[in-house]
Full PDB file with SEQRES, HELIX, SHEET, SSBOND, CRYST1, ORIGX, SCALE, CONECT and MASTER records, all heavy atoms in Angstrom:
SEQRES   1 A   35  ASN PRO ASN GLY GLY TRP ARG THR ARG LYS PHE LYS HIS          
SEQRES   2 A   35  PHE VAL GLN GLY GLY ASP PHE GLY ASP ARG GLU ALA ASN          
SEQRES   3 A   35  ILE ASN LYS LEU VAL ARG GLN MET ASN                          
HELIX    1 AA1 PHE A   14  GLN A   16  5                                   3    
HELIX    2 AA2 GLU A   24  ASN A   26  5                                   3    
HELIX    3 AA3 ILE A   27  MET A   34  1                                   8    
CRYST1    1.000    1.000    1.000  90.00  90.00  90.00 P 1           1          
ORIGX1      1.000000  0.000000  0.000000        0.00000                         
ORIGX2      0.000000  1.000000  0.000000        0.00000                         
ORIGX3      0.000000  0.000000  1.000000        0.00000                         
SCALE1      1.000000  0.000000  0.000000        0.00000                         
SCALE2      0.000000  1.000000  0.000000        0.00000                         
SCALE3      0.000000  0.000000  1.000000        0.00000                         
ATOM      1  N   ASN A   1      45.935  55.836  85.704  1.00  0.00           N  
ATOM      2  CA  ASN A   1      47.010  56.121  86.656  1.00  0.00           C  
ATOM      3  C   ASN A   1      46.384  56.525  87.984  1.00  0.00           C  
ATOM      4  O   ASN A   1      45.319  57.153  87.993  1.00  0.00           O  
ATOM      5  CB  ASN A   1      47.906  57.246  86.141  1.00  0.00           C  
ATOM      6  CG  ASN A   1      49.000  56.717  85.232  1.00  0.00           C  
ATOM      7  OD1 ASN A   1      49.535  55.630  85.454  1.00  0.00           O  
ATOM      8  ND2 ASN A   1      49.315  57.464  84.191  1.00  0.00           N  
ATOM      9  N   PRO A   2      47.011  56.180  89.115  1.00  0.00           N  
ATOM     10  CA  PRO A   2      46.363  56.482  90.406  1.00  0.00           C  
ATOM     11  C   PRO A   2      46.250  57.977  90.672  1.00  0.00           C  
ATOM     12  O   PRO A   2      47.120  58.747  90.269  1.00  0.00           O  
ATOM     13  CB  PRO A   2      47.295  55.819  91.434  1.00  0.00           C  
ATOM     14  CG  PRO A   2      48.584  55.646  90.740  1.00  0.00           C  
ATOM     15  CD  PRO A   2      48.284  55.489  89.282  1.00  0.00           C  
ATOM     16  N   ASN A   3      45.147  58.374  91.325  1.00  0.00           N  
ATOM     17  CA  ASN A   3      44.979  59.777  91.730  1.00  0.00           C  
ATOM     18  C   ASN A   3      46.132  60.175  92.646  1.00  0.00           C  
ATOM     19  O   ASN A   3      46.444  59.473  93.598  1.00  0.00           O  
ATOM     20  CB  ASN A   3      43.669  59.958  92.515  1.00  0.00           C  
ATOM     21  CG  ASN A   3      42.474  59.924  91.588  1.00  0.00           C  
ATOM     22  OD1 ASN A   3      42.617  60.130  90.392  1.00  0.00           O  
ATOM     23  ND2 ASN A   3      41.304  59.646  92.128  1.00  0.00           N  
ATOM     24  N   GLY A   4      46.759  61.297  92.342  1.00  0.00           N  
ATOM     25  CA  GLY A   4      47.895  61.731  93.163  1.00  0.00           C  
ATOM     26  C   GLY A   4      49.199  61.126  92.692  1.00  0.00           C  
ATOM     27  O   GLY A   4      50.264  61.424  93.237  1.00  0.00           O  
ATOM     28  N   GLY A   5      49.131  60.249  91.678  1.00  0.00           N  
ATOM     29  CA  GLY A   5      50.349  59.671  91.089  1.00  0.00           C  
ATOM     30  C   GLY A   5      50.946  58.547  91.917  1.00  0.00           C  
ATOM     31  O   GLY A   5      50.476  58.214  93.004  1.00  0.00           O  
ATOM     32  N   TRP A   6      52.006  57.951  91.352  1.00  0.00           N  
ATOM     33  CA  TRP A   6      52.739  56.902  92.052  1.00  0.00           C  
ATOM     34  C   TRP A   6      53.641  57.517  93.106  1.00  0.00           C  
ATOM     35  O   TRP A   6      53.788  58.732  93.174  1.00  0.00           O  
ATOM     36  CB  TRP A   6      53.587  56.098  91.047  1.00  0.00           C  
ATOM     37  CG  TRP A   6      52.789  55.388  90.005  1.00  0.00           C  
ATOM     38  CD1 TRP A   6      52.567  55.790  88.720  1.00  0.00           C  
ATOM     39  CD2 TRP A   6      52.078  54.152  90.161  1.00  0.00           C  
ATOM     40  NE1 TRP A   6      51.761  54.887  88.062  1.00  0.00           N  
ATOM     41  CE2 TRP A   6      51.455  53.867  88.913  1.00  0.00           C  
ATOM     42  CE3 TRP A   6      51.911  53.249  91.209  1.00  0.00           C  
ATOM     43  CZ2 TRP A   6      50.691  52.738  88.698  1.00  0.00           C  
ATOM     44  CZ3 TRP A   6      51.147  52.111  90.996  1.00  0.00           C  
ATOM     45  CH2 TRP A   6      50.548  51.867  89.760  1.00  0.00           C  
ATOM     46  N   ARG A   7      54.282  56.681  93.891  1.00  0.00           N  
ATOM     47  CA  ARG A   7      55.227  57.192  94.883  1.00  0.00           C  
ATOM     48  C   ARG A   7      56.446  57.763  94.175  1.00  0.00           C  
ATOM     49  O   ARG A   7      56.684  57.503  92.994  1.00  0.00           O  
ATOM     50  CB  ARG A   7      55.660  56.064  95.819  1.00  0.00           C  
ATOM     51  CG  ARG A   7      54.564  55.623  96.780  1.00  0.00           C  
ATOM     52  CD  ARG A   7      55.112  54.559  97.676  1.00  0.00           C  
ATOM     53  NE  ARG A   7      54.183  54.234  98.759  1.00  0.00           N  
ATOM     54  CZ  ARG A   7      54.520  53.488  99.788  1.00  0.00           C  
ATOM     55  NH1 ARG A   7      55.738  53.019  99.910  1.00  0.00           N  
ATOM     56  NH2 ARG A   7      53.644  53.206 100.726  1.00  0.00           N  
ATOM     57  N   THR A   8      57.281  58.516  94.930  1.00  0.00           N  
ATOM     58  CA  THR A   8      58.430  59.193  94.320  1.00  0.00           C  
ATOM     59  C   THR A   8      59.368  58.195  93.661  1.00  0.00           C  
ATOM     60  O   THR A   8      59.850  58.417  92.565  1.00  0.00           O  
ATOM     61  CB  THR A   8      59.211  59.991  95.401  1.00  0.00           C  
ATOM     62  OG1 THR A   8      58.265  60.598  96.277  1.00  0.00           O  
ATOM     63  CG2 THR A   8      60.071  61.070  94.776  1.00  0.00           C  
ATOM     64  N   ARG A   9      59.655  57.081  94.375  1.00  0.00           N  
ATOM     65  CA  ARG A   9      60.505  56.043  93.792  1.00  0.00           C  
ATOM     66  C   ARG A   9      59.633  54.859  93.408  1.00  0.00           C  
ATOM     67  O   ARG A   9      59.493  53.902  94.169  1.00  0.00           O  
ATOM     68  CB  ARG A   9      61.607  55.605  94.782  1.00  0.00           C  
ATOM     69  CG  ARG A   9      62.514  56.709  95.242  1.00  0.00           C  
ATOM     70  CD  ARG A   9      63.232  57.431  94.108  1.00  0.00           C  
ATOM     71  NE  ARG A   9      63.988  56.504  93.270  1.00  0.00           N  
ATOM     72  CZ  ARG A   9      64.193  56.712  91.979  1.00  0.00           C  
ATOM     73  NH1 ARG A   9      63.677  57.773  91.384  1.00  0.00           N  
ATOM     74  NH2 ARG A   9      64.895  55.855  91.282  1.00  0.00           N  
ATOM     75  N   LYS A  10      59.049  54.927  92.237  1.00  0.00           N  
ATOM     76  CA  LYS A  10      58.094  53.910  91.785  1.00  0.00           C  
ATOM     77  C   LYS A  10      58.744  52.529  91.687  1.00  0.00           C  
ATOM     78  O   LYS A  10      58.109  51.517  91.955  1.00  0.00           O  
ATOM     79  CB  LYS A  10      57.552  54.332  90.421  1.00  0.00           C  
ATOM     80  CG  LYS A  10      56.525  53.391  89.814  1.00  0.00           C  
ATOM     81  CD  LYS A  10      56.082  53.948  88.469  1.00  0.00           C  
ATOM     82  CE  LYS A  10      55.167  53.004  87.744  1.00  0.00           C  
ATOM     83  NZ  LYS A  10      54.761  53.508  86.434  1.00  0.00           N  
ATOM     84  N   PHE A  11      60.024  52.482  91.302  1.00  0.00           N  
ATOM     85  CA  PHE A  11      60.664  51.199  91.015  1.00  0.00           C  
ATOM     86  C   PHE A  11      61.457  50.634  92.192  1.00  0.00           C  
ATOM     87  O   PHE A  11      62.366  49.838  92.007  1.00  0.00           O  
ATOM     88  CB  PHE A  11      61.522  51.305  89.746  1.00  0.00           C  
ATOM     89  CG  PHE A  11      60.718  51.739  88.553  1.00  0.00           C  
ATOM     90  CD1 PHE A  11      61.121  52.789  87.753  1.00  0.00           C  
ATOM     91  CD2 PHE A  11      59.512  51.109  88.259  1.00  0.00           C  
ATOM     92  CE1 PHE A  11      60.350  53.184  86.672  1.00  0.00           C  
ATOM     93  CE2 PHE A  11      58.743  51.491  87.176  1.00  0.00           C  
ATOM     94  CZ  PHE A  11      59.160  52.544  86.379  1.00  0.00           C  
ATOM     95  N   LYS A  12      61.135  51.082  93.400  1.00  0.00           N  
ATOM     96  CA  LYS A  12      61.624  50.413  94.609  1.00  0.00           C  
ATOM     97  C   LYS A  12      60.489  49.534  95.133  1.00  0.00           C  
ATOM     98  O   LYS A  12      59.332  49.745  94.788  1.00  0.00           O  
ATOM     99  CB  LYS A  12      61.983  51.451  95.676  1.00  0.00           C  
ATOM    100  CG  LYS A  12      63.387  52.026  95.538  1.00  0.00           C  
ATOM    101  CD  LYS A  12      63.684  52.907  96.740  1.00  0.00           C  
ATOM    102  CE  LYS A  12      65.121  53.380  96.724  1.00  0.00           C  
ATOM    103  NZ  LYS A  12      65.405  54.240  97.883  1.00  0.00           N  
ATOM    104  N   HIS A  13      60.824  48.599  96.004  1.00  0.00           N  
ATOM    105  CA  HIS A  13      59.781  47.736  96.577  1.00  0.00           C  
ATOM    106  C   HIS A  13      58.856  48.569  97.460  1.00  0.00           C  
ATOM    107  O   HIS A  13      59.265  49.590  98.031  1.00  0.00           O  
ATOM    108  CB  HIS A  13      60.411  46.607  97.403  1.00  0.00           C  
ATOM    109  CG  HIS A  13      59.455  45.482  97.668  1.00  0.00           C  
ATOM    110  ND1 HIS A  13      58.449  45.576  98.599  1.00  0.00           N  
ATOM    111  CD2 HIS A  13      59.335  44.251  97.096  1.00  0.00           C  
ATOM    112  CE1 HIS A  13      57.753  44.442  98.608  1.00  0.00           C  
ATOM    113  NE2 HIS A  13      58.273  43.620  97.706  1.00  0.00           N  
ATOM    114  N   PHE A  14      57.607  48.132  97.585  1.00  0.00           N  
ATOM    115  CA  PHE A  14      56.595  48.859  98.369  1.00  0.00           C  
ATOM    116  C   PHE A  14      57.069  49.109  99.797  1.00  0.00           C  
ATOM    117  O   PHE A  14      56.870  50.192 100.350  1.00  0.00           O  
ATOM    118  CB  PHE A  14      55.277  48.065  98.377  1.00  0.00           C  
ATOM    119  CG  PHE A  14      54.165  48.750  99.117  1.00  0.00           C  
ATOM    120  CD1 PHE A  14      53.523  49.857  98.578  1.00  0.00           C  
ATOM    121  CD2 PHE A  14      53.756  48.306 100.363  1.00  0.00           C  
ATOM    122  CE1 PHE A  14      52.499  50.495  99.253  1.00  0.00           C  
ATOM    123  CE2 PHE A  14      52.733  48.936 101.053  1.00  0.00           C  
ATOM    124  CZ  PHE A  14      52.102  50.033 100.496  1.00  0.00           C  
ATOM    125  N   VAL A  15      57.731  48.114 100.412  1.00  0.00           N  
ATOM    126  CA  VAL A  15      58.167  48.266 101.809  1.00  0.00           C  
ATOM    127  C   VAL A  15      59.348  49.233 101.940  1.00  0.00           C  
ATOM    128  O   VAL A  15      59.651  49.710 103.031  1.00  0.00           O  
ATOM    129  CB  VAL A  15      58.531  46.905 102.449  1.00  0.00           C  
ATOM    130  CG1 VAL A  15      57.321  46.029 102.573  1.00  0.00           C  
ATOM    131  CG2 VAL A  15      59.637  46.205 101.678  1.00  0.00           C  
ATOM    132  N   GLN A  16      60.009  49.544 100.807  1.00  0.00           N  
ATOM    133  CA  GLN A  16      61.127  50.491 100.828  1.00  0.00           C  
ATOM    134  C   GLN A  16      60.696  51.886 100.386  1.00  0.00           C  
ATOM    135  O   GLN A  16      61.527  52.745 100.118  1.00  0.00           O  
ATOM    136  CB  GLN A  16      62.247  49.992  99.895  1.00  0.00           C  
ATOM    137  CG  GLN A  16      62.865  48.674 100.351  1.00  0.00           C  
ATOM    138  CD  GLN A  16      63.835  48.123  99.322  1.00  0.00           C  
ATOM    139  OE1 GLN A  16      63.601  48.230  98.105  1.00  0.00           O  
ATOM    140  NE2 GLN A  16      64.919  47.536  99.787  1.00  0.00           N  
ATOM    141  N   GLY A  17      59.387  52.074 100.292  1.00  0.00           N  
ATOM    142  CA  GLY A  17      58.867  53.391  99.894  1.00  0.00           C  
ATOM    143  C   GLY A  17      58.591  53.510  98.407  1.00  0.00           C  
ATOM    144  O   GLY A  17      58.314  54.593  97.901  1.00  0.00           O  
ATOM    145  N   GLY A  18      58.660  52.379  97.696  1.00  0.00           N  
ATOM    146  CA  GLY A  18      58.362  52.391  96.260  1.00  0.00           C  
ATOM    147  C   GLY A  18      56.964  51.864  95.986  1.00  0.00           C  
ATOM    148  O   GLY A  18      56.066  52.014  96.822  1.00  0.00           O  
ATOM    149  N   ASP A  19      56.809  51.215  94.818  1.00  0.00           N  
ATOM    150  CA  ASP A  19      55.460  50.758  94.439  1.00  0.00           C  
ATOM    151  C   ASP A  19      55.370  49.286  94.069  1.00  0.00           C  
ATOM    152  O   ASP A  19      54.298  48.705  94.165  1.00  0.00           O  
ATOM    153  CB  ASP A  19      54.929  51.590  93.259  1.00  0.00           C  
ATOM    154  CG  ASP A  19      54.188  52.819  93.746  1.00  0.00           C  
ATOM    155  OD1 ASP A  19      53.246  52.674  94.543  1.00  0.00           O  
ATOM    156  OD2 ASP A  19      54.568  53.931  93.347  1.00  0.00           O  
ATOM    157  N   PHE A  20      56.447  48.672  93.603  1.00  0.00           N  
ATOM    158  CA  PHE A  20      56.285  47.299  93.120  1.00  0.00           C  
ATOM    159  C   PHE A  20      56.263  46.293  94.266  1.00  0.00           C  
ATOM    160  O   PHE A  20      56.627  46.589  95.395  1.00  0.00           O  
ATOM    161  CB  PHE A  20      57.341  46.961  92.048  1.00  0.00           C  
ATOM    162  CG  PHE A  20      58.722  46.629  92.564  1.00  0.00           C  
ATOM    163  CD1 PHE A  20      58.972  45.426  93.216  1.00  0.00           C  
ATOM    164  CD2 PHE A  20      59.788  47.487  92.345  1.00  0.00           C  
ATOM    165  CE1 PHE A  20      60.245  45.095  93.660  1.00  0.00           C  
ATOM    166  CE2 PHE A  20      61.070  47.171  92.787  1.00  0.00           C  
ATOM    167  CZ  PHE A  20      61.300  45.969  93.449  1.00  0.00           C  
ATOM    168  N   GLY A  21      55.818  45.069  93.942  1.00  0.00           N  
ATOM    169  CA  GLY A  21      55.824  43.987  94.926  1.00  0.00           C  
ATOM    170  C   GLY A  21      54.501  43.826  95.665  1.00  0.00           C  
ATOM    171  O   GLY A  21      53.495  44.464  95.333  1.00  0.00           O  
ATOM    172  N   ASP A  22      54.540  42.975  96.672  1.00  0.00           N  
ATOM    173  CA  ASP A  22      53.345  42.621  97.448  1.00  0.00           C  
ATOM    174  C   ASP A  22      53.000  43.745  98.419  1.00  0.00           C  
ATOM    175  O   ASP A  22      53.822  44.131  99.249  1.00  0.00           O  
ATOM    176  CB  ASP A  22      53.619  41.320  98.215  1.00  0.00           C  
ATOM    177  CG  ASP A  22      52.371  40.800  98.920  1.00  0.00           C  
ATOM    178  OD1 ASP A  22      51.300  41.404  98.756  1.00  0.00           O  
ATOM    179  OD2 ASP A  22      52.490  39.780  99.629  1.00  0.00           O  
ATOM    180  N   ARG A  23      51.771  44.282  98.309  1.00  0.00           N  
ATOM    181  CA  ARG A  23      51.343  45.334  99.242  1.00  0.00           C  
ATOM    182  C   ARG A  23      50.155  44.878 100.087  1.00  0.00           C  
ATOM    183  O   ARG A  23      49.477  45.705 100.710  1.00  0.00           O  
ATOM    184  CB  ARG A  23      51.037  46.636  98.502  1.00  0.00           C  
ATOM    185  CG  ARG A  23      50.082  46.533  97.334  1.00  0.00           C  
ATOM    186  CD  ARG A  23      49.758  47.898  96.772  1.00  0.00           C  
ATOM    187  NE  ARG A  23      50.846  48.476  96.028  1.00  0.00           N  
ATOM    188  CZ  ARG A  23      51.023  49.790  95.859  1.00  0.00           C  
ATOM    189  NH1 ARG A  23      50.146  50.640  96.366  1.00  0.00           N  
ATOM    190  NH2 ARG A  23      52.038  50.255  95.177  1.00  0.00           N  
ATOM    191  N   GLU A  24      49.865  43.554 100.062  1.00  0.00           N  
ATOM    192  CA  GLU A  24      48.832  42.933 100.895  1.00  0.00           C  
ATOM    193  C   GLU A  24      47.511  43.698 100.818  1.00  0.00           C  
ATOM    194  O   GLU A  24      47.008  43.937  99.746  1.00  0.00           O  
ATOM    195  CB  GLU A  24      49.350  42.776 102.336  1.00  0.00           C  
ATOM    196  CG  GLU A  24      50.545  41.843 102.404  1.00  0.00           C  
ATOM    197  CD  GLU A  24      51.203  41.785 103.767  1.00  0.00           C  
ATOM    198  OE1 GLU A  24      50.757  42.493 104.689  1.00  0.00           O  
ATOM    199  OE2 GLU A  24      52.171  41.025 103.904  1.00  0.00           O  
ATOM    200  N   ALA A  25      46.959  44.124 101.965  1.00  0.00           N  
ATOM    201  CA  ALA A  25      45.634  44.775 101.959  1.00  0.00           C  
ATOM    202  C   ALA A  25      45.684  46.188 101.380  1.00  0.00           C  
ATOM    203  O   ALA A  25      44.637  46.758 101.038  1.00  0.00           O  
ATOM    204  CB  ALA A  25      45.070  44.814 103.372  1.00  0.00           C  
ATOM    205  N   ASN A  26      46.885  46.763 101.255  1.00  0.00           N  
ATOM    206  CA  ASN A  26      47.007  48.123 100.704  1.00  0.00           C  
ATOM    207  C   ASN A  26      46.660  48.188  99.218  1.00  0.00           C  
ATOM    208  O   ASN A  26      46.547  49.280  98.667  1.00  0.00           O  
ATOM    209  CB  ASN A  26      48.429  48.662 100.921  1.00  0.00           C  
ATOM    210  CG  ASN A  26      48.678  49.002 102.374  1.00  0.00           C  
ATOM    211  OD1 ASN A  26      47.923  49.740 103.001  1.00  0.00           O  
ATOM    212  ND2 ASN A  26      49.732  48.439 102.942  1.00  0.00           N  
ATOM    213  N   ILE A  27      46.493  47.028  98.591  1.00  0.00           N  
ATOM    214  CA  ILE A  27      46.078  47.016  97.182  1.00  0.00           C  
ATOM    215  C   ILE A  27      44.696  47.651  97.033  1.00  0.00           C  
ATOM    216  O   ILE A  27      44.381  48.257  96.013  1.00  0.00           O  
ATOM    217  CB  ILE A  27      46.080  45.573  96.598  1.00  0.00           C  
ATOM    218  CG1 ILE A  27      45.976  45.585  95.064  1.00  0.00           C  
ATOM    219  CG2 ILE A  27      44.961  44.725  97.166  1.00  0.00           C  
ATOM    220  CD1 ILE A  27      47.200  46.009  94.339  1.00  0.00           C  
ATOM    221  N   ASN A  28      43.877  47.551  98.085  1.00  0.00           N  
ATOM    222  CA  ASN A  28      42.509  48.106  98.010  1.00  0.00           C  
ATOM    223  C   ASN A  28      42.531  49.630  97.876  1.00  0.00           C  
ATOM    224  O   ASN A  28      41.743  50.200  97.137  1.00  0.00           O  
ATOM    225  CB  ASN A  28      41.709  47.686  99.259  1.00  0.00           C  
ATOM    226  CG  ASN A  28      41.524  46.188  99.318  1.00  0.00           C  
ATOM    227  OD1 ASN A  28      41.033  45.580  98.382  1.00  0.00           O  
ATOM    228  ND2 ASN A  28      41.976  45.573 100.391  1.00  0.00           N  
ATOM    229  N   LYS A  29      43.496  50.266  98.555  1.00  0.00           N  
ATOM    230  CA  LYS A  29      43.632  51.718  98.460  1.00  0.00           C  
ATOM    231  C   LYS A  29      44.051  52.090  97.038  1.00  0.00           C  
ATOM    232  O   LYS A  29      43.540  53.064  96.450  1.00  0.00           O  
ATOM    233  CB  LYS A  29      44.666  52.204  99.477  1.00  0.00           C  
ATOM    234  CG  LYS A  29      44.757  53.720  99.596  1.00  0.00           C  
ATOM    235  CD  LYS A  29      45.848  54.142 100.561  1.00  0.00           C  
ATOM    236  CE  LYS A  29      46.010  55.648 100.549  1.00  0.00           C  
ATOM    237  NZ  LYS A  29      47.189  56.088 101.305  1.00  0.00           N  
ATOM    238  N   LEU A  30      44.969  51.299  96.479  1.00  0.00           N  
ATOM    239  CA  LEU A  30      45.442  51.571  95.101  1.00  0.00           C  
ATOM    240  C   LEU A  30      44.301  51.385  94.090  1.00  0.00           C  
ATOM    241  O   LEU A  30      44.173  52.178  93.148  1.00  0.00           O  
ATOM    242  CB  LEU A  30      46.615  50.641  94.759  1.00  0.00           C  
ATOM    243  CG  LEU A  30      47.260  50.865  93.399  1.00  0.00           C  
ATOM    244  CD1 LEU A  30      47.997  52.194  93.371  1.00  0.00           C  
ATOM    245  CD2 LEU A  30      48.204  49.744  93.024  1.00  0.00           C  
ATOM    246  N   VAL A  31      43.481  50.358  94.304  1.00  0.00           N  
ATOM    247  CA  VAL A  31      42.339  50.112  93.397  1.00  0.00           C  
ATOM    248  C   VAL A  31      41.392  51.310  93.405  1.00  0.00           C  
ATOM    249  O   VAL A  31      40.921  51.747  92.356  1.00  0.00           O  
ATOM    250  CB  VAL A  31      41.597  48.807  93.782  1.00  0.00           C  
ATOM    251  CG1 VAL A  31      40.244  48.716  93.080  1.00  0.00           C  
ATOM    252  CG2 VAL A  31      42.433  47.590  93.439  1.00  0.00           C  
ATOM    253  N   ARG A  32      41.121  51.873  94.613  1.00  0.00           N  
ATOM    254  CA  ARG A  32      40.251  53.069  94.699  1.00  0.00           C  
ATOM    255  C   ARG A  32      40.851  54.221  93.882  1.00  0.00           C  
ATOM    256  O   ARG A  32      40.134  54.968  93.220  1.00  0.00           O  
ATOM    257  CB  ARG A  32      40.129  53.569  96.156  1.00  0.00           C  
ATOM    258  CG  ARG A  32      39.640  52.592  97.155  1.00  0.00           C  
ATOM    259  CD  ARG A  32      38.140  52.435  97.269  1.00  0.00           C  
ATOM    260  NE  ARG A  32      37.838  51.424  98.236  1.00  0.00           N  
ATOM    261  CZ  ARG A  32      38.002  50.118  98.050  1.00  0.00           C  
ATOM    262  NH1 ARG A  32      38.446  49.672  96.892  1.00  0.00           N  
ATOM    263  NH2 ARG A  32      37.701  49.240  98.977  1.00  0.00           N  
ATOM    264  N   GLN A  33      42.194  54.375  93.957  1.00  0.00           N  
ATOM    265  CA  GLN A  33      42.831  55.480  93.258  1.00  0.00           C  
ATOM    266  C   GLN A  33      42.854  55.274  91.742  1.00  0.00           C  
ATOM    267  O   GLN A  33      42.798  56.234  90.985  1.00  0.00           O  
ATOM    268  CB  GLN A  33      44.289  55.638  93.749  1.00  0.00           C  
ATOM    269  CG  GLN A  33      44.409  56.174  95.165  1.00  0.00           C  
ATOM    270  CD  GLN A  33      45.839  56.166  95.646  1.00  0.00           C  
ATOM    271  OE1 GLN A  33      46.549  55.161  95.571  1.00  0.00           O  
ATOM    272  NE2 GLN A  33      46.303  57.292  96.146  1.00  0.00           N  
ATOM    273  N   MET A  34      42.931  54.013  91.315  1.00  0.00           N  
ATOM    274  CA  MET A  34      43.073  53.735  89.886  1.00  0.00           C  
ATOM    275  C   MET A  34      41.751  53.469  89.172  1.00  0.00           C  
ATOM    276  O   MET A  34      41.690  53.501  87.951  1.00  0.00           O  
ATOM    277  CB  MET A  34      43.992  52.527  89.670  1.00  0.00           C  
ATOM    278  CG  MET A  34      45.403  52.754  90.131  1.00  0.00           C  
ATOM    279  SD  MET A  34      46.474  51.330  89.827  1.00  0.00           S  
ATOM    280  CE  MET A  34      46.873  51.545  88.107  1.00  0.00           C  
ATOM    281  N   ASN A  35      40.703  53.151  89.936  1.00  0.00           N  
ATOM    282  CA  ASN A  35      39.435  52.756  89.324  1.00  0.00           C  
ATOM    283  C   ASN A  35      38.648  53.965  88.833  1.00  0.00           C  
ATOM    284  O   ASN A  35      38.642  55.008  89.442  1.00  0.00           O  
ATOM    285  CB  ASN A  35      38.595  51.960  90.337  1.00  0.00           C  
ATOM    286  CG  ASN A  35      37.516  51.166  89.644  1.00  0.00           C  
ATOM    287  OD1 ASN A  35      37.378  51.223  88.430  1.00  0.00           O  
ATOM    288  ND2 ASN A  35      36.766  50.410  90.395  1.00  0.00           N  
TER     289      ASN A  35                                                      
MASTER        0    0    0    3    0    0    0    6  288    1    0    3          
END                                                                             
């Protein structure tokens, strides 16, 4: 699980403040948190 946890609304789209969907280059930040 990512350091600091998922966003408050995990099941909203990334652009709406959630986590799912295409996050383009921001996936690299998530990989650092989850690796």
